PDB file of all heavy atoms in Angstrom:
ATOM      1  N   ALA A   1     -11.178  13.710  32.092  1.00  0.00           N
ATOM      2  CA  ALA A   1     -11.868  13.237  30.876  1.00  0.00           C
ATOM      3  C   ALA A   1     -12.200  14.420  29.972  1.00  0.00           C
ATOM      4  O   ALA A   1     -12.037  14.356  28.744  1.00  0.00           O
ATOM      5  CB  ALA A   1     -13.140  12.486  31.257  1.00  0.00           C
ATOM      6  N   ASP A   2     -12.652  15.521  30.593  1.00  0.00           N
ATOM      7  CA  ASP A   2     -12.977  16.714  29.813  1.00  0.00           C
ATOM      8  C   ASP A   2     -11.707  17.298  29.181  1.00  0.00           C
ATOM      9  O   ASP A   2     -11.697  17.701  28.018  1.00  0.00           O
ATOM     10  CB  ASP A   2     -13.640  17.772  30.716  1.00  0.00           C
ATOM     11  CG  ASP A   2     -14.034  19.016  29.937  1.00  0.00           C
ATOM     12  OD1 ASP A   2     -14.809  18.880  28.962  1.00  0.00           O
ATOM     13  OD2 ASP A   2     -13.544  20.125  30.261  1.00  0.00           O
ATOM     14  N   PHE A   3     -10.626  17.302  29.952  1.00  0.00           N
ATOM     15  CA  PHE A   3      -9.341  17.795  29.432  1.00  0.00           C
ATOM     16  C   PHE A   3      -8.923  16.978  28.201  1.00  0.00           C
ATOM     17  O   PHE A   3      -8.553  17.528  27.162  1.00  0.00           O
ATOM     18  CB  PHE A   3      -8.241  17.713  30.505  1.00  0.00           C
ATOM     19  CG  PHE A   3      -6.850  17.654  29.938  1.00  0.00           C
ATOM     20  CD1 PHE A   3      -6.288  18.772  29.314  1.00  0.00           C
ATOM     21  CD2 PHE A   3      -6.106  16.476  29.979  1.00  0.00           C
ATOM     22  CE1 PHE A   3      -5.019  18.709  28.742  1.00  0.00           C
ATOM     23  CE2 PHE A   3      -4.839  16.406  29.409  1.00  0.00           C
ATOM     24  CZ  PHE A   3      -4.292  17.527  28.794  1.00  0.00           C
ATOM     25  N   ILE A   4      -9.005  15.639  28.323  1.00  0.00           N
ATOM     26  CA  ILE A   4      -8.569  14.771  27.215  1.00  0.00           C
ATOM     27  C   ILE A   4      -9.417  15.020  25.968  1.00  0.00           C
ATOM     28  O   ILE A   4      -8.888  15.167  24.860  1.00  0.00           O
ATOM     29  CB  ILE A   4      -8.598  13.273  27.633  1.00  0.00           C
ATOM     30  CG1 ILE A   4      -7.459  13.009  28.645  1.00  0.00           C
ATOM     31  CG2 ILE A   4      -8.472  12.346  26.433  1.00  0.00           C
ATOM     32  CD1 ILE A   4      -7.513  11.653  29.350  1.00  0.00           C
ATOM     33  N   SER A   5     -10.737  15.125  26.144  1.00  0.00           N
ATOM     34  CA  SER A   5     -11.581  15.331  24.953  1.00  0.00           C
ATOM     35  C   SER A   5     -11.313  16.698  24.319  1.00  0.00           C
ATOM     36  O   SER A   5     -11.269  16.830  23.102  1.00  0.00           O
ATOM     37  CB  SER A   5     -13.068  15.137  25.272  1.00  0.00           C
ATOM     38  OG  SER A   5     -13.529  16.182  26.074  1.00  0.00           O
ATOM     39  N   LYS A   6     -11.077  17.724  25.149  1.00  0.00           N
ATOM     40  CA  LYS A   6     -10.767  19.059  24.591  1.00  0.00           C
ATOM     41  C   LYS A   6      -9.402  19.062  23.889  1.00  0.00           C
ATOM     42  O   LYS A   6      -9.233  19.688  22.846  1.00  0.00           O
ATOM     43  CB  LYS A   6     -10.800  20.124  25.694  1.00  0.00           C
ATOM     44  CG  LYS A   6     -12.231  20.498  26.099  1.00  0.00           C
ATOM     45  CD  LYS A   6     -12.267  21.807  26.885  1.00  0.00           C
ATOM     46  CE  LYS A   6     -13.664  22.380  27.026  1.00  0.00           C
ATOM     47  NZ  LYS A   6     -14.610  21.518  27.716  1.00  0.00           N
ATOM     48  N   ALA A   7      -8.436  18.358  24.474  1.00  0.00           N
ATOM     49  CA  ALA A   7      -7.096  18.292  23.859  1.00  0.00           C
ATOM     50  C   ALA A   7      -7.171  17.595  22.496  1.00  0.00           C
ATOM     51  O   ALA A   7      -6.520  18.018  21.531  1.00  0.00           O
ATOM     52  CB  ALA A   7      -6.119  17.567  24.782  1.00  0.00           C
ATOM     53  N   ILE A   8      -8.002  16.553  22.396  1.00  0.00           N
ATOM     54  CA  ILE A   8      -8.150  15.833  21.114  1.00  0.00           C
ATOM     55  C   ILE A   8      -8.783  16.751  20.068  1.00  0.00           C
ATOM     56  O   ILE A   8      -8.304  16.860  18.935  1.00  0.00           O
ATOM     57  CB  ILE A   8      -9.000  14.550  21.299  1.00  0.00           C
ATOM     58  CG1 ILE A   8      -8.200  13.511  22.107  1.00  0.00           C
ATOM     59  CG2 ILE A   8      -9.421  13.965  19.946  1.00  0.00           C
ATOM     60  CD1 ILE A   8      -9.019  12.324  22.586  1.00  0.00           C
ATOM     61  N   LEU A   9      -9.858  17.448  20.460  1.00  0.00           N
ATOM     62  CA  LEU A   9     -10.518  18.367  19.519  1.00  0.00           C
ATOM     63  C   LEU A   9      -9.559  19.470  19.083  1.00  0.00           C
ATOM     64  O   LEU A   9      -9.525  19.868  17.917  1.00  0.00           O
ATOM     65  CB  LEU A   9     -11.773  18.977  20.174  1.00  0.00           C
ATOM     66  CG  LEU A   9     -12.926  17.994  20.409  1.00  0.00           C
ATOM     67  CD1 LEU A   9     -14.007  18.615  21.287  1.00  0.00           C
ATOM     68  CD2 LEU A   9     -13.522  17.529  19.078  1.00  0.00           C
ATOM     69  N   PHE A  10      -8.761  19.940  20.039  1.00  0.00           N
ATOM     70  CA  PHE A  10      -7.773  20.989  19.744  1.00  0.00           C
ATOM     71  C   PHE A  10      -6.763  20.496  18.697  1.00  0.00           C
ATOM     72  O   PHE A  10      -6.494  21.165  17.702  1.00  0.00           O
ATOM     73  CB  PHE A  10      -7.056  21.392  21.039  1.00  0.00           C
ATOM     74  CG  PHE A  10      -5.708  22.025  20.836  1.00  0.00           C
ATOM     75  CD1 PHE A  10      -5.603  23.315  20.314  1.00  0.00           C
ATOM     76  CD2 PHE A  10      -4.548  21.340  21.171  1.00  0.00           C
ATOM     77  CE1 PHE A  10      -4.354  23.897  20.121  1.00  0.00           C
ATOM     78  CE2 PHE A  10      -3.295  21.916  20.985  1.00  0.00           C
ATOM     79  CZ  PHE A  10      -3.196  23.201  20.455  1.00  0.00           C
ATOM     80  N   TYR A  11      -6.214  19.290  18.914  1.00  0.00           N
ATOM     81  CA  TYR A  11      -5.211  18.776  17.969  1.00  0.00           C
ATOM     82  C   TYR A  11      -5.819  18.475  16.601  1.00  0.00           C
ATOM     83  O   TYR A  11      -5.171  18.636  15.574  1.00  0.00           O
ATOM     84  CB  TYR A  11      -4.492  17.548  18.538  1.00  0.00           C
ATOM     85  CG  TYR A  11      -3.298  17.941  19.381  1.00  0.00           C
ATOM     86  CD1 TYR A  11      -3.163  17.513  20.697  1.00  0.00           C
ATOM     87  CD2 TYR A  11      -2.301  18.755  18.855  1.00  0.00           C
ATOM     88  CE1 TYR A  11      -2.056  17.885  21.465  1.00  0.00           C
ATOM     89  CE2 TYR A  11      -1.197  19.142  19.613  1.00  0.00           C
ATOM     90  CZ  TYR A  11      -1.085  18.704  20.914  1.00  0.00           C
ATOM     91  OH  TYR A  11       0.007  19.086  21.658  1.00  0.00           O
ATOM     92  N   LYS A  12      -7.090  18.050  16.599  1.00  0.00           N
ATOM     93  CA  LYS A  12      -7.743  17.802  15.303  1.00  0.00           C
ATOM     94  C   LYS A  12      -7.900  19.121  14.540  1.00  0.00           C
ATOM     95  O   LYS A  12      -7.772  19.158  13.321  1.00  0.00           O
ATOM     96  CB  LYS A  12      -9.101  17.133  15.512  1.00  0.00           C
ATOM     97  CG  LYS A  12      -8.937  15.640  15.795  1.00  0.00           C
ATOM     98  CD  LYS A  12     -10.256  14.911  15.901  1.00  0.00           C
ATOM     99  CE  LYS A  12     -10.008  13.412  15.985  1.00  0.00           C
ATOM    100  NZ  LYS A  12     -11.146  12.694  16.562  1.00  0.00           N
ATOM    101  N   GLU A  13      -8.180  20.183  15.271  1.00  0.00           N
ATOM    102  CA  GLU A  13      -8.306  21.494  14.615  1.00  0.00           C
ATOM    103  C   GLU A  13      -6.935  22.023  14.193  1.00  0.00           C
ATOM    104  O   GLU A  13      -6.779  22.637  13.145  1.00  0.00           O
ATOM    105  CB  GLU A  13      -8.975  22.501  15.570  1.00  0.00           C
ATOM    106  CG  GLU A  13      -9.263  23.812  14.874  1.00  0.00           C
ATOM    107  CD  GLU A  13      -9.995  24.806  15.768  1.00  0.00           C
ATOM    108  OE1 GLU A  13     -10.932  24.412  16.486  1.00  0.00           O
ATOM    109  OE2 GLU A  13      -9.608  25.981  15.751  1.00  0.00           O
ATOM    110  N   MET A  14      -5.941  21.740  15.018  1.00  0.00           N
ATOM    111  CA  MET A  14      -4.590  22.240  14.743  1.00  0.00           C
ATOM    112  C   MET A  14      -3.991  21.546  13.526  1.00  0.00           C
ATOM    113  O   MET A  14      -3.244  22.133  12.765  1.00  0.00           O
ATOM    114  CB  MET A  14      -3.715  21.953  15.968  1.00  0.00           C
ATOM    115  CG  MET A  14      -2.357  22.585  15.913  1.00  0.00           C
ATOM    116  SD  MET A  14      -1.563  22.224  17.503  1.00  0.00           S
ATOM    117  CE  MET A  14      -0.003  23.043  17.280  1.00  0.00           C
ATOM    118  N   SER A  15      -4.318  20.276  13.353  1.00  0.00           N
ATOM    119  CA  SER A  15      -3.715  19.504  12.266  1.00  0.00           C
ATOM    120  C   SER A  15      -4.765  18.630  11.611  1.00  0.00           C
ATOM    121  O   SER A  15      -4.766  17.407  11.763  1.00  0.00           O
ATOM    122  CB  SER A  15      -2.591  18.642  12.858  1.00  0.00           C
ATOM    123  OG  SER A  15      -1.938  17.945  11.852  1.00  0.00           O
ATOM    124  N   PRO A  16      -5.714  19.238  10.879  1.00  0.00           N
ATOM    125  CA  PRO A  16      -6.844  18.457  10.374  1.00  0.00           C
ATOM    126  C   PRO A  16      -6.415  17.308   9.462  1.00  0.00           C
ATOM    127  O   PRO A  16      -7.066  16.289   9.384  1.00  0.00           O
ATOM    128  CB  PRO A  16      -7.682  19.483   9.607  1.00  0.00           C
ATOM    129  CG  PRO A  16      -6.830  20.694   9.466  1.00  0.00           C
ATOM    130  CD  PRO A  16      -5.779  20.649  10.516  1.00  0.00           C
ATOM    131  N   LYS A  17      -5.296  17.490   8.753  1.00  0.00           N
ATOM    132  CA  LYS A  17      -4.877  16.436   7.818  1.00  0.00           C
ATOM    133  C   LYS A  17      -3.902  15.467   8.477  1.00  0.00           C
ATOM    134  O   LYS A  17      -3.539  14.462   7.908  1.00  0.00           O
ATOM    135  CB  LYS A  17      -4.225  17.065   6.584  1.00  0.00           C
ATOM    136  CG  LYS A  17      -5.212  17.855   5.723  1.00  0.00           C
ATOM    137  CD  LYS A  17      -4.609  18.245   4.392  1.00  0.00           C
ATOM    138  CE  LYS A  17      -3.622  19.395   4.530  1.00  0.00           C
ATOM    139  NZ  LYS A  17      -4.254  20.681   4.830  1.00  0.00           N
ATOM    140  N   GLY A  18      -3.455  15.803   9.687  1.00  0.00           N
ATOM    141  CA  GLY A  18      -2.396  15.006  10.316  1.00  0.00           C
ATOM    142  C   GLY A  18      -2.924  13.783  11.033  1.00  0.00           C
ATOM    143  O   GLY A  18      -4.094  13.444  10.954  1.00  0.00           O
ATOM    144  N   PHE A  19      -2.022  13.143  11.733  1.00  0.00           N
ATOM    145  CA  PHE A  19      -2.366  12.028  12.613  1.00  0.00           C
ATOM    146  C   PHE A  19      -2.966  10.817  11.899  1.00  0.00           C
ATOM    147  O   PHE A  19      -3.707  10.072  12.472  1.00  0.00           O
ATOM    148  CB  PHE A  19      -3.324  12.486  13.741  1.00  0.00           C
ATOM    149  CG  PHE A  19      -2.837  13.696  14.462  1.00  0.00           C
ATOM    150  CD1 PHE A  19      -3.573  14.866  14.486  1.00  0.00           C
ATOM    151  CD2 PHE A  19      -1.610  13.682  15.110  1.00  0.00           C
ATOM    152  CE1 PHE A  19      -3.090  15.996  15.150  1.00  0.00           C
ATOM    153  CE2 PHE A  19      -1.128  14.798  15.769  1.00  0.00           C
ATOM    154  CZ  PHE A  19      -1.871  15.956  15.792  1.00  0.00           C
ATOM    155  N   ASN A  20      -2.690  10.639  10.591  1.00  0.00           N
ATOM    156  CA  ASN A  20      -3.241   9.428   9.960  1.00  0.00           C
ATOM    157  C   ASN A  20      -2.229   8.297   9.963  1.00  0.00           C
ATOM    158  O   ASN A  20      -2.601   7.153   9.963  1.00  0.00           O
ATOM    159  CB  ASN A  20      -3.703   9.623   8.501  1.00  0.00           C
ATOM    160  CG  ASN A  20      -3.553  11.031   8.078  1.00  0.00           C
ATOM    161  OD1 ASN A  20      -3.184  11.802   8.912  1.00  0.00           O
ATOM    162  ND2 ASN A  20      -3.833  11.405   6.871  1.00  0.00           N
ATOM    163  N   LEU A  21      -0.952   8.651   9.943  1.00  0.00           N
ATOM    164  CA  LEU A  21       0.080   7.622   9.818  1.00  0.00           C
ATOM    165  C   LEU A  21      -0.047   6.577  10.923  1.00  0.00           C
ATOM    166  O   LEU A  21      -0.131   5.391  10.669  1.00  0.00           O
ATOM    167  CB  LEU A  21       1.465   8.277   9.872  1.00  0.00           C
ATOM    168  CG  LEU A  21       2.630   7.298   9.898  1.00  0.00           C
ATOM    169  CD1 LEU A  21       2.790   6.663   8.527  1.00  0.00           C
ATOM    170  CD2 LEU A  21       3.916   7.984  10.283  1.00  0.00           C
ATOM    171  N   LEU A  22      -0.099   7.042  12.165  1.00  0.00           N
ATOM    172  CA  LEU A  22      -0.127   6.091  13.272  1.00  0.00           C
ATOM    173  C   LEU A  22      -1.508   5.457  13.448  1.00  0.00           C
ATOM    174  O   LEU A  22      -1.621   4.384  13.999  1.00  0.00           O
ATOM    175  CB  LEU A  22       0.321   6.778  14.566  1.00  0.00           C
ATOM    176  CG  LEU A  22       1.793   7.203  14.559  1.00  0.00           C
ATOM    177  CD1 LEU A  22       2.128   8.011  15.794  1.00  0.00           C
ATOM    178  CD2 LEU A  22       2.728   6.017  14.487  1.00  0.00           C
ATOM    179  N   ASP A  23      -2.540   6.153  12.975  1.00  0.00           N
ATOM    180  CA  ASP A  23      -3.895   5.596  13.085  1.00  0.00           C
ATOM    181  C   ASP A  23      -3.975   4.214  12.460  1.00  0.00           C
ATOM    182  O   ASP A  23      -4.644   3.328  12.946  1.00  0.00           O
ATOM    183  CB  ASP A  23      -4.904   6.496  12.343  1.00  0.00           C
ATOM    184  CG  ASP A  23      -5.362   7.614  13.246  1.00  0.00           C
ATOM    185  OD1 ASP A  23      -5.011   7.567  14.426  1.00  0.00           O
ATOM    186  OD2 ASP A  23      -6.059   8.532  12.779  1.00  0.00           O
ATOM    187  N   LYS A  24      -3.272   4.074  11.333  1.00  0.00           N
ATOM    188  CA  LYS A  24      -3.358   2.812  10.607  1.00  0.00           C
ATOM    189  C   LYS A  24      -2.660   1.697  11.374  1.00  0.00           C
ATOM    190  O   LYS A  24      -2.898   0.537  11.142  1.00  0.00           O
ATOM    191  CB  LYS A  24      -2.693   2.966   9.240  1.00  0.00           C
ATOM    192  CG  LYS A  24      -3.438   3.921   8.329  1.00  0.00           C
ATOM    193  CD  LYS A  24      -2.673   4.094   7.027  1.00  0.00           C
ATOM    194  CE  LYS A  24      -3.270   5.233   6.202  1.00  0.00           C
ATOM    195  NZ  LYS A  24      -2.287   6.077   5.604  1.00  0.00           N
ATOM    196  N   MET A  25      -1.748   2.088  12.252  1.00  0.00           N
ATOM    197  CA  MET A  25      -0.902   1.069  12.867  1.00  0.00           C
ATOM    198  C   MET A  25      -1.317   0.678  14.269  1.00  0.00           C
ATOM    199  O   MET A  25      -1.058  -0.416  14.703  1.00  0.00           O
ATOM    200  CB  MET A  25       0.538   1.587  12.926  1.00  0.00           C
ATOM    201  CG  MET A  25       1.078   1.927  11.562  1.00  0.00           C
ATOM    202  SD  MET A  25       2.801   2.298  11.624  1.00  0.00           S
ATOM    203  CE  MET A  25       2.867   3.818  12.496  1.00  0.00           C
ATOM    204  N   LEU A  26      -1.896   1.614  14.990  1.00  0.00           N
ATOM    205  CA  LEU A  26      -2.144   1.331  16.400  1.00  0.00           C
ATOM    206  C   LEU A  26      -3.623   1.108  16.663  1.00  0.00           C
ATOM    207  O   LEU A  26      -4.451   1.949  16.353  1.00  0.00           O
ATOM    208  CB  LEU A  26      -1.659   2.507  17.265  1.00  0.00           C
ATOM    209  CG  LEU A  26      -0.194   2.898  17.077  1.00  0.00           C
ATOM    210  CD1 LEU A  26       0.170   4.020  18.025  1.00  0.00           C
ATOM    211  CD2 LEU A  26       0.736   1.727  17.335  1.00  0.00           C
ATOM    212  N   PRO A  27      -3.961  -0.005  17.268  1.00  0.00           N
ATOM    213  CA  PRO A  27      -5.373  -0.245  17.578  1.00  0.00           C
ATOM    214  C   PRO A  27      -5.807   0.548  18.806  1.00  0.00           C
ATOM    215  O   PRO A  27      -4.991   1.173  19.457  1.00  0.00           O
ATOM    216  CB  PRO A  27      -5.395  -1.744  17.886  1.00  0.00           C
ATOM    217  CG  PRO A  27      -4.012  -2.032  18.385  1.00  0.00           C
ATOM    218  CD  PRO A  27      -3.083  -1.088  17.691  1.00  0.00           C
ATOM    219  N   GLY A  28      -7.080   0.526  19.108  1.00  0.00           N
ATOM    220  CA  GLY A  28      -7.557   1.147  20.353  1.00  0.00           C
ATOM    221  C   GLY A  28      -8.183   2.502  20.108  1.00  0.00           C
ATOM    222  O   GLY A  28      -7.567   3.364  19.503  1.00  0.00           O
ATOM    223  N   ASN A  29      -9.413   2.689  20.592  1.00  0.00           N
ATOM    224  CA  ASN A  29     -10.103   3.947  20.329  1.00  0.00           C
ATOM    225  C   ASN A  29     -10.428   4.749  21.574  1.00  0.00           C
ATOM    226  O   ASN A  29     -11.148   5.717  21.512  1.00  0.00           O
ATOM    227  CB  ASN A  29     -11.410   3.672  19.560  1.00  0.00           C
ATOM    228  CG  ASN A  29     -11.107   3.069  18.201  1.00  0.00           C
ATOM    229  OD1 ASN A  29     -10.170   3.520  17.537  1.00  0.00           O
ATOM    230  ND2 ASN A  29     -11.847   2.048  17.819  1.00  0.00           N
ATOM    231  N   ALA A  30      -9.924   4.322  22.734  1.00  0.00           N
ATOM    232  CA  ALA A  30     -10.204   5.098  23.948  1.00  0.00           C
ATOM    233  C   ALA A  30      -9.642   6.505  23.747  1.00  0.00           C
ATOM    234  O   ALA A  30      -8.581   6.661  23.139  1.00  0.00           O
ATOM    235  CB  ALA A  30      -9.539   4.434  25.150  1.00  0.00           C
ATOM    236  N   PRO A  31     -10.349   7.549  24.242  1.00  0.00           N
ATOM    237  CA  PRO A  31      -9.861   8.916  24.030  1.00  0.00           C
ATOM    238  C   PRO A  31      -8.408   9.116  24.469  1.00  0.00           C
ATOM    239  O   PRO A  31      -7.622   9.760  23.771  1.00  0.00           O
ATOM    240  CB  PRO A  31     -10.814   9.771  24.870  1.00  0.00           C
ATOM    241  CG  PRO A  31     -12.064   8.965  24.956  1.00  0.00           C
ATOM    242  CD  PRO A  31     -11.638   7.525  24.944  1.00  0.00           C
ATOM    243  N   SER A  32      -8.029   8.534  25.612  1.00  0.00           N
ATOM    244  CA  SER A  32      -6.655   8.763  26.078  1.00  0.00           C
ATOM    245  C   SER A  32      -5.632   8.137  25.123  1.00  0.00           C
ATOM    246  O   SER A  32      -4.551   8.669  24.918  1.00  0.00           O
ATOM    247  CB  SER A  32      -6.454   8.222  27.500  1.00  0.00           C
ATOM    248  OG  SER A  32      -6.681   6.829  27.527  1.00  0.00           O
ATOM    249  N   ILE A  33      -6.010   7.009  24.484  1.00  0.00           N
ATOM    250  CA  ILE A  33      -5.114   6.361  23.511  1.00  0.00           C
ATOM    251  C   ILE A  33      -4.990   7.252  22.271  1.00  0.00           C
ATOM    252  O   ILE A  33      -3.914   7.413  21.692  1.00  0.00           O
ATOM    253  CB  ILE A  33      -5.640   4.954  23.101  1.00  0.00           C
ATOM    254  CG1 ILE A  33      -5.767   4.043  24.321  1.00  0.00           C
ATOM    255  CG2 ILE A  33      -4.767   4.333  22.012  1.00  0.00           C
ATOM    256  CD1 ILE A  33      -4.498   3.433  24.869  1.00  0.00           C
ATOM    257  N   GLU A  34      -6.111   7.858  21.877  1.00  0.00           N
ATOM    258  CA  GLU A  34      -6.096   8.769  20.721  1.00  0.00           C
ATOM    259  C   GLU A  34      -5.168   9.956  20.994  1.00  0.00           C
ATOM    260  O   GLU A  34      -4.368  10.355  20.147  1.00  0.00           O
ATOM    261  CB  GLU A  34      -7.530   9.259  20.448  1.00  0.00           C
ATOM    262  CG  GLU A  34      -7.687   9.803  19.042  1.00  0.00           C
ATOM    263  CD  GLU A  34      -9.127  10.188  18.707  1.00  0.00           C
ATOM    264  OE1 GLU A  34     -10.068   9.735  19.404  1.00  0.00           O
ATOM    265  OE2 GLU A  34      -9.301  10.949  17.760  1.00  0.00           O
ATOM    266  N   LEU A  35      -5.260  10.486  22.212  1.00  0.00           N
ATOM    267  CA  LEU A  35      -4.394  11.617  22.581  1.00  0.00           C
ATOM    268  C   LEU A  35      -2.921  11.178  22.611  1.00  0.00           C
ATOM    269  O   LEU A  35      -2.033  11.942  22.215  1.00  0.00           O
ATOM    270  CB  LEU A  35      -4.821  12.202  23.934  1.00  0.00           C
ATOM    271  CG  LEU A  35      -4.069  13.469  24.389  1.00  0.00           C
ATOM    272  CD1 LEU A  35      -4.176  14.593  23.352  1.00  0.00           C
ATOM    273  CD2 LEU A  35      -4.582  13.965  25.741  1.00  0.00           C
ATOM    274  N   GLU A  36      -2.673   9.947  23.045  1.00  0.00           N
ATOM    275  CA  GLU A  36      -1.291   9.432  23.042  1.00  0.00           C
ATOM    276  C   GLU A  36      -0.699   9.473  21.640  1.00  0.00           C
ATOM    277  O   GLU A  36       0.450   9.862  21.442  1.00  0.00           O
ATOM    278  CB  GLU A  36      -1.253   7.983  23.564  1.00  0.00           C
ATOM    279  CG  GLU A  36      -1.389   7.884  25.069  1.00  0.00           C
ATOM    280  CD  GLU A  36      -1.589   6.444  25.560  1.00  0.00           C
ATOM    281  OE1 GLU A  36      -1.334   5.501  24.781  1.00  0.00           O
ATOM    282  OE2 GLU A  36      -1.991   6.279  26.725  1.00  0.00           O
ATOM    283  N   LYS A  37      -1.502   9.070  20.654  1.00  0.00           N
ATOM    284  CA  LYS A  37      -1.020   9.055  19.268  1.00  0.00           C
ATOM    285  C   LYS A  37      -0.688  10.475  18.810  1.00  0.00           C
ATOM    286  O   LYS A  37       0.317  10.717  18.159  1.00  0.00           O
ATOM    287  CB  LYS A  37      -2.091   8.472  18.340  1.00  0.00           C
ATOM    288  CG  LYS A  37      -2.251   6.973  18.463  1.00  0.00           C
ATOM    289  CD  LYS A  37      -3.201   6.460  17.406  1.00  0.00           C
ATOM    290  CE  LYS A  37      -4.504   5.993  17.974  1.00  0.00           C
ATOM    291  NZ  LYS A  37      -5.465   5.542  17.000  1.00  0.00           N
ATOM    292  N   MET A  38      -1.568  11.414  19.175  1.00  0.00           N
ATOM    293  CA  MET A  38      -1.367  12.799  18.750  1.00  0.00           C
ATOM    294  C   MET A  38      -0.114  13.390  19.382  1.00  0.00           C
ATOM    295  O   MET A  38       0.673  14.073  18.724  1.00  0.00           O
ATOM    296  CB  MET A  38      -2.604  13.627  19.126  1.00  0.00           C
ATOM    297  CG  MET A  38      -3.817  13.230  18.314  1.00  0.00           C
ATOM    298  SD  MET A  38      -5.317  14.010  18.919  1.00  0.00           S
ATOM    299  CE  MET A  38      -6.397  13.774  17.502  1.00  0.00           C
ATOM    300  N   ILE A  39       0.065  13.107  20.662  1.00  0.00           N
ATOM    301  CA  ILE A  39       1.253  13.621  21.361  1.00  0.00           C
ATOM    302  C   ILE A  39       2.514  12.993  20.780  1.00  0.00           C
ATOM    303  O   ILE A  39       3.516  13.677  20.560  1.00  0.00           O
ATOM    304  CB  ILE A  39       1.124  13.398  22.886  1.00  0.00           C
ATOM    305  CG1 ILE A  39       0.119  14.416  23.458  1.00  0.00           C
ATOM    306  CG2 ILE A  39       2.474  13.515  23.590  1.00  0.00           C
ATOM    307  CD1 ILE A  39      -0.172  14.286  24.939  1.00  0.00           C
TER     308      ILE A  39
END
């Protein structure tokens, strides 16, 4: 769980403007689902 939350924060810092395209399309807010979108 700690790994997933750190990976999400890392990707948000790496690409602050990114990751919006799929956000609009895929439901679900669990951290692991969020990381799936980023990957």
